[in-house]
């Protein structure tokens, strides 16, 4: 039997801080987050919780040897993320749903890769979410954060 363990992670909210995926002010003066997810929910997690979940897996000894496990803090649509960002940031944030083709055309470094990633998460939403269970993640990491909790600690770090 293989001694390997595979950990399937999720989009991490820290991308809103350091990777430039946070709200941007549009020509109309409104802030928006832009993802090509349509109305699909996306598994998300705090980056620090990825390490905590991995630690939780290793603490359980041989239980997960040879297994693939997935983690997420919460599954959210773009609309849900925008609503929670609005509340945490004290300014209206809307969700701008674009197609993957439009997203890939934005031209920033990594736009093609991110467009492909989001398209996969959109097109295979049910399958992608099914293997990233927040309840399981909480069982191996009792300190697992949801988006609201993460925003309470990190909203001030999101560049506007």
C-alpha atoms as a PDB file:
ATOM      1  CA  UNK A   1       0.000   0.000   0.000  1.00  0.00           C
ATOM      2  CA  UNK A   2       1.186   3.489  -0.802  1.00  0.00           C
ATOM      3  CA  UNK A   3       2.221   5.525   2.241  1.00  0.00           C
ATOM      4  CA  UNK A   4       1.278   8.706   0.417  1.00  0.00           C
ATOM      5  CA  UNK A   5      -1.547  10.987   1.424  1.00  0.00           C
ATOM      6  CA  UNK A   6      -3.074  13.462  -0.996  1.00  0.00           C
ATOM      7  CA  UNK A   7      -4.635  16.692   0.229  1.00  0.00           C
ATOM      8  CA  UNK A   8      -7.033  18.535  -2.075  1.00  0.00           C
ATOM      9  CA  UNK A   9      -7.158  22.189  -1.089  1.00  0.00           C
ATOM     10  CA  UNK A  10      -9.417  25.028  -2.188  1.00  0.00           C
ATOM     11  CA  UNK A  11      -9.311  28.673  -3.267  1.00  0.00           C
ATOM     12  CA  UNK A  12      -7.878  30.585  -0.348  1.00  0.00           C
ATOM     13  CA  UNK A  13      -9.304  33.889   0.797  1.00  0.00           C
ATOM     14  CA  UNK A  14      -5.789  35.273   1.249  1.00  0.00           C
ATOM     15  CA  UNK A  15      -5.797  35.725  -2.558  1.00  0.00           C
ATOM     16  CA  UNK A  16      -7.966  38.772  -1.883  1.00  0.00           C
ATOM     17  CA  UNK A  17      -4.994  40.342  -0.084  1.00  0.00           C
ATOM     18  CA  UNK A  18      -1.780  39.340  -1.775  1.00  0.00           C
ATOM     19  CA  UNK A  19      -2.735  38.172  -5.234  1.00  0.00           C
ATOM     20  CA  UNK A  20      -4.877  41.102  -6.340  1.00  0.00           C
ATOM     21  CA  UNK A  21      -8.197  39.282  -6.471  1.00  0.00           C
ATOM     22  CA  UNK A  22      -9.909  41.608  -4.004  1.00  0.00           C
ATOM     23  CA  UNK A  23     -12.524  44.237  -4.824  1.00  0.00           C
ATOM     24  CA  UNK A  24     -11.612  46.745  -7.523  1.00  0.00           C
ATOM     25  CA  UNK A  25     -13.256  50.111  -8.106  1.00  0.00           C
ATOM     26  CA  UNK A  26     -14.938  50.257 -11.493  1.00  0.00           C
ATOM     27  CA  UNK A  27     -15.595  53.234 -13.773  1.00  0.00           C
ATOM     28  CA  UNK A  28     -18.963  53.662 -12.052  1.00  0.00           C
ATOM     29  CA  UNK A  29     -17.205  54.076  -8.684  1.00  0.00           C
ATOM     30  CA  UNK A  30     -18.561  50.794  -7.318  1.00  0.00           C
ATOM     31  CA  UNK A  31     -16.338  48.040  -5.973  1.00  0.00           C
ATOM     32  CA  UNK A  32     -16.597  44.584  -7.512  1.00  0.00           C
ATOM     33  CA  UNK A  33     -15.029  41.179  -7.306  1.00  0.00           C
ATOM     34  CA  UNK A  34     -14.725  39.521 -10.686  1.00  0.00           C
ATOM     35  CA  UNK A  35     -14.662  35.768 -11.150  1.00  0.00           C
ATOM     36  CA  UNK A  36     -15.850  33.499 -13.982  1.00  0.00           C
ATOM     37  CA  UNK A  37     -17.951  31.263 -11.741  1.00  0.00           C
ATOM     38  CA  UNK A  38     -21.455  32.196 -12.921  1.00  0.00           C
ATOM     39  CA  UNK A  39     -23.728  31.300  -9.983  1.00  0.00           C
ATOM     40  CA  UNK A  40     -21.708  28.292  -8.795  1.00  0.00           C
ATOM     41  CA  UNK A  41     -20.376  27.915  -5.261  1.00  0.00           C
ATOM     42  CA  UNK A  42     -16.629  27.545  -4.862  1.00  0.00           C
ATOM     43  CA  UNK A  43     -14.859  25.763  -1.996  1.00  0.00           C
ATOM     44  CA  UNK A  44     -12.711  28.305  -0.144  1.00  0.00           C
ATOM     45  CA  UNK A  45     -10.420  28.270   2.872  1.00  0.00           C
ATOM     46  CA  UNK A  46      -8.023  30.437   4.872  1.00  0.00           C
ATOM     47  CA  UNK A  47      -4.423  29.698   3.861  1.00  0.00           C
ATOM     48  CA  UNK A  48      -3.428  29.113   7.480  1.00  0.00           C
ATOM     49  CA  UNK A  49      -6.162  26.494   7.784  1.00  0.00           C
ATOM     50  CA  UNK A  50      -4.570  24.427   5.022  1.00  0.00           C
ATOM     51  CA  UNK A  51      -1.554  23.851   7.269  1.00  0.00           C
ATOM     52  CA  UNK A  52      -3.742  23.221  10.303  1.00  0.00           C
ATOM     53  CA  UNK A  53      -5.754  20.627   8.374  1.00  0.00           C
ATOM     54  CA  UNK A  54      -2.596  18.914   7.126  1.00  0.00           C
ATOM     55  CA  UNK A  55      -1.357  18.791  10.716  1.00  0.00           C
ATOM     56  CA  UNK A  56      -4.700  17.306  11.780  1.00  0.00           C
ATOM     57  CA  UNK A  57      -4.334  14.561   9.187  1.00  0.00           C
ATOM     58  CA  UNK A  58      -0.828  13.673  10.369  1.00  0.00           C
ATOM     59  CA  UNK A  59      -1.950  13.679  14.016  1.00  0.00           C
ATOM     60  CA  UNK A  60      -4.408  10.910  13.165  1.00  0.00           C
ATOM     61  CA  UNK A  61      -1.531   8.550  12.367  1.00  0.00           C
ATOM     62  CA  UNK A  62      -2.065   5.922   9.703  1.00  0.00           C
ATOM     63  CA  UNK A  63      -5.802   6.590   9.255  1.00  0.00           C
ATOM     64  CA  UNK A  64      -5.419   8.468   5.974  1.00  0.00           C
ATOM     65  CA  UNK A  65      -2.452   6.617   4.437  1.00  0.00           C
ATOM     66  CA  UNK A  66      -3.148   5.933   0.781  1.00  0.00           C
ATOM     67  CA  UNK A  67      -6.177   8.229   0.790  1.00  0.00           C
ATOM     68  CA  UNK A  68      -7.036  11.462  -0.923  1.00  0.00           C
ATOM     69  CA  UNK A  69      -8.892  13.935   1.274  1.00  0.00           C
ATOM     70  CA  UNK A  70     -10.279  17.361   0.471  1.00  0.00           C
ATOM     71  CA  UNK A  71     -10.763  20.396   2.660  1.00  0.00           C
ATOM     72  CA  UNK A  72     -12.642  23.703   2.582  1.00  0.00           C
ATOM     73  CA  UNK A  73     -13.712  26.257   5.143  1.00  0.00           C
ATOM     74  CA  UNK A  74     -16.911  27.066   3.311  1.00  0.00           C
ATOM     75  CA  UNK A  75     -18.496  26.843  -0.152  1.00  0.00           C
ATOM     76  CA  UNK A  76     -19.487  30.305  -1.428  1.00  0.00           C
ATOM     77  CA  UNK A  77     -20.888  31.844  -4.589  1.00  0.00           C
ATOM     78  CA  UNK A  78     -19.495  35.099  -5.918  1.00  0.00           C
ATOM     79  CA  UNK A  79     -22.674  36.819  -4.706  1.00  0.00           C
ATOM     80  CA  UNK A  80     -22.190  35.458  -1.179  1.00  0.00           C
ATOM     81  CA  UNK A  81     -18.559  36.558  -1.119  1.00  0.00           C
ATOM     82  CA  UNK A  82     -19.533  40.053  -2.304  1.00  0.00           C
ATOM     83  CA  UNK A  83     -22.244  40.319   0.381  1.00  0.00           C
ATOM     84  CA  UNK A  84     -19.850  39.347   3.151  1.00  0.00           C
ATOM     85  CA  UNK A  85     -17.124  41.631   1.783  1.00  0.00           C
ATOM     86  CA  UNK A  86     -19.631  44.512   1.736  1.00  0.00           C
ATOM     87  CA  UNK A  87     -20.451  43.953   5.377  1.00  0.00           C
ATOM     88  CA  UNK A  88     -16.845  43.538   6.500  1.00  0.00           C
ATOM     89  CA  UNK A  89     -15.441  46.437   4.460  1.00  0.00           C
ATOM     90  CA  UNK A  90     -18.293  48.849   5.108  1.00  0.00           C
ATOM     91  CA  UNK A  91     -18.719  49.575   1.403  1.00  0.00           C
ATOM     92  CA  UNK A  92     -20.897  48.077  -1.294  1.00  0.00           C
ATOM     93  CA  UNK A  93     -19.145  45.261  -3.174  1.00  0.00           C
ATOM     94  CA  UNK A  94     -20.880  43.562  -6.084  1.00  0.00           C
ATOM     95  CA  UNK A  95     -20.102  40.331  -7.867  1.00  0.00           C
ATOM     96  CA  UNK A  96     -19.136  40.737 -11.508  1.00  0.00           C
ATOM     97  CA  UNK A  97     -19.665  37.384 -13.228  1.00  0.00           C
ATOM     98  CA  UNK A  98     -17.699  37.169 -16.469  1.00  0.00           C
ATOM     99  CA  UNK A  99     -17.044  34.273 -18.786  1.00  0.00           C
ATOM    100  CA  UNK A 100     -13.753  32.398 -18.517  1.00  0.00           C
ATOM    101  CA  UNK A 101     -12.854  33.691 -21.988  1.00  0.00           C
ATOM    102  CA  UNK A 102     -13.269  37.300 -20.858  1.00  0.00           C
ATOM    103  CA  UNK A 103     -11.309  36.611 -17.665  1.00  0.00           C
ATOM    104  CA  UNK A 104      -8.429  35.098 -19.646  1.00  0.00           C
ATOM    105  CA  UNK A 105      -8.372  38.226 -21.846  1.00  0.00           C
ATOM    106  CA  UNK A 106      -7.629  40.559 -18.893  1.00  0.00           C
ATOM    107  CA  UNK A 107      -3.933  40.215 -19.658  1.00  0.00           C
ATOM    108  CA  UNK A 108      -2.432  40.266 -16.181  1.00  0.00           C
ATOM    109  CA  UNK A 109       0.221  37.641 -15.348  1.00  0.00           C
ATOM    110  CA  UNK A 110      -1.627  34.416 -14.589  1.00  0.00           C
ATOM    111  CA  UNK A 111      -4.961  35.472 -16.151  1.00  0.00           C
ATOM    112  CA  UNK A 112      -4.961  32.419 -18.431  1.00  0.00           C
ATOM    113  CA  UNK A 113      -4.196  30.014 -15.599  1.00  0.00           C
ATOM    114  CA  UNK A 114      -6.736  31.578 -13.251  1.00  0.00           C
ATOM    115  CA  UNK A 115      -9.354  31.657 -15.983  1.00  0.00           C
ATOM    116  CA  UNK A 116      -8.814  27.945 -16.559  1.00  0.00           C
ATOM    117  CA  UNK A 117      -8.936  27.224 -12.820  1.00  0.00           C
ATOM    118  CA  UNK A 118     -12.186  29.132 -12.314  1.00  0.00           C
ATOM    119  CA  UNK A 119     -13.706  27.538 -15.430  1.00  0.00           C
ATOM    120  CA  UNK A 120     -12.976  24.074 -14.069  1.00  0.00           C
ATOM    121  CA  UNK A 121     -14.494  25.003 -10.703  1.00  0.00           C
ATOM    122  CA  UNK A 122     -17.564  26.358 -12.503  1.00  0.00           C
ATOM    123  CA  UNK A 123     -18.038  23.561 -15.048  1.00  0.00           C
ATOM    124  CA  UNK A 124     -17.430  20.744 -12.556  1.00  0.00           C
ATOM    125  CA  UNK A 125     -18.851  22.472  -9.492  1.00  0.00           C
ATOM    126  CA  UNK A 126     -20.693  19.496  -8.033  1.00  0.00           C
ATOM    127  CA  UNK A 127     -17.758  17.128  -8.360  1.00  0.00           C
ATOM    128  CA  UNK A 128     -15.227  19.696  -7.161  1.00  0.00           C
ATOM    129  CA  UNK A 129     -17.283  20.625  -4.089  1.00  0.00           C
ATOM    130  CA  UNK A 130     -18.225  17.042  -3.212  1.00  0.00           C
ATOM    131  CA  UNK A 131     -14.656  16.108  -2.273  1.00  0.00           C
ATOM    132  CA  UNK A 132     -13.975  19.292  -0.253  1.00  0.00           C
ATOM    133  CA  UNK A 133     -16.186  18.944   2.787  1.00  0.00           C
ATOM    134  CA  UNK A 134     -16.061  21.713   5.416  1.00  0.00           C
ATOM    135  CA  UNK A 135     -17.440  19.327   8.074  1.00  0.00           C
ATOM    136  CA  UNK A 136     -14.555  16.922   7.470  1.00  0.00           C
ATOM    137  CA  UNK A 137     -12.057  19.799   7.541  1.00  0.00           C
ATOM    138  CA  UNK A 138     -13.491  20.939  10.879  1.00  0.00           C
ATOM    139  CA  UNK A 139     -13.118  17.386  12.247  1.00  0.00           C
ATOM    140  CA  UNK A 140      -9.346  17.528  11.685  1.00  0.00           C
ATOM    141  CA  UNK A 141      -9.019  21.260  12.427  1.00  0.00           C
ATOM    142  CA  UNK A 142     -11.453  22.446  15.112  1.00  0.00           C
ATOM    143  CA  UNK A 143     -10.197  26.033  14.602  1.00  0.00           C
ATOM    144  CA  UNK A 144     -11.343  26.036  10.937  1.00  0.00           C
ATOM    145  CA  UNK A 145     -12.521  29.496   9.876  1.00  0.00           C
ATOM    146  CA  UNK A 146     -15.488  30.397   7.732  1.00  0.00           C
ATOM    147  CA  UNK A 147     -15.341  33.500   5.516  1.00  0.00           C
ATOM    148  CA  UNK A 148     -16.959  35.771   8.091  1.00  0.00           C
ATOM    149  CA  UNK A 149     -14.421  34.763  10.747  1.00  0.00           C
ATOM    150  CA  UNK A 150     -11.537  35.178   8.307  1.00  0.00           C
ATOM    151  CA  UNK A 151     -12.830  38.637   7.317  1.00  0.00           C
ATOM    152  CA  UNK A 152     -13.057  39.738  10.964  1.00  0.00           C
ATOM    153  CA  UNK A 153      -9.305  39.184  11.244  1.00  0.00           C
ATOM    154  CA  UNK A 154      -8.242  40.213   7.737  1.00  0.00           C
ATOM    155  CA  UNK A 155     -10.639  42.726   6.107  1.00  0.00           C
ATOM    156  CA  UNK A 156      -8.331  45.634   6.959  1.00  0.00           C
ATOM    157  CA  UNK A 157      -5.544  43.939   4.970  1.00  0.00           C
ATOM    158  CA  UNK A 158      -7.541  43.788   1.709  1.00  0.00           C
ATOM    159  CA  UNK A 159      -6.268  46.558  -0.579  1.00  0.00           C
ATOM    160  CA  UNK A 160      -9.013  48.839  -1.834  1.00  0.00           C
END
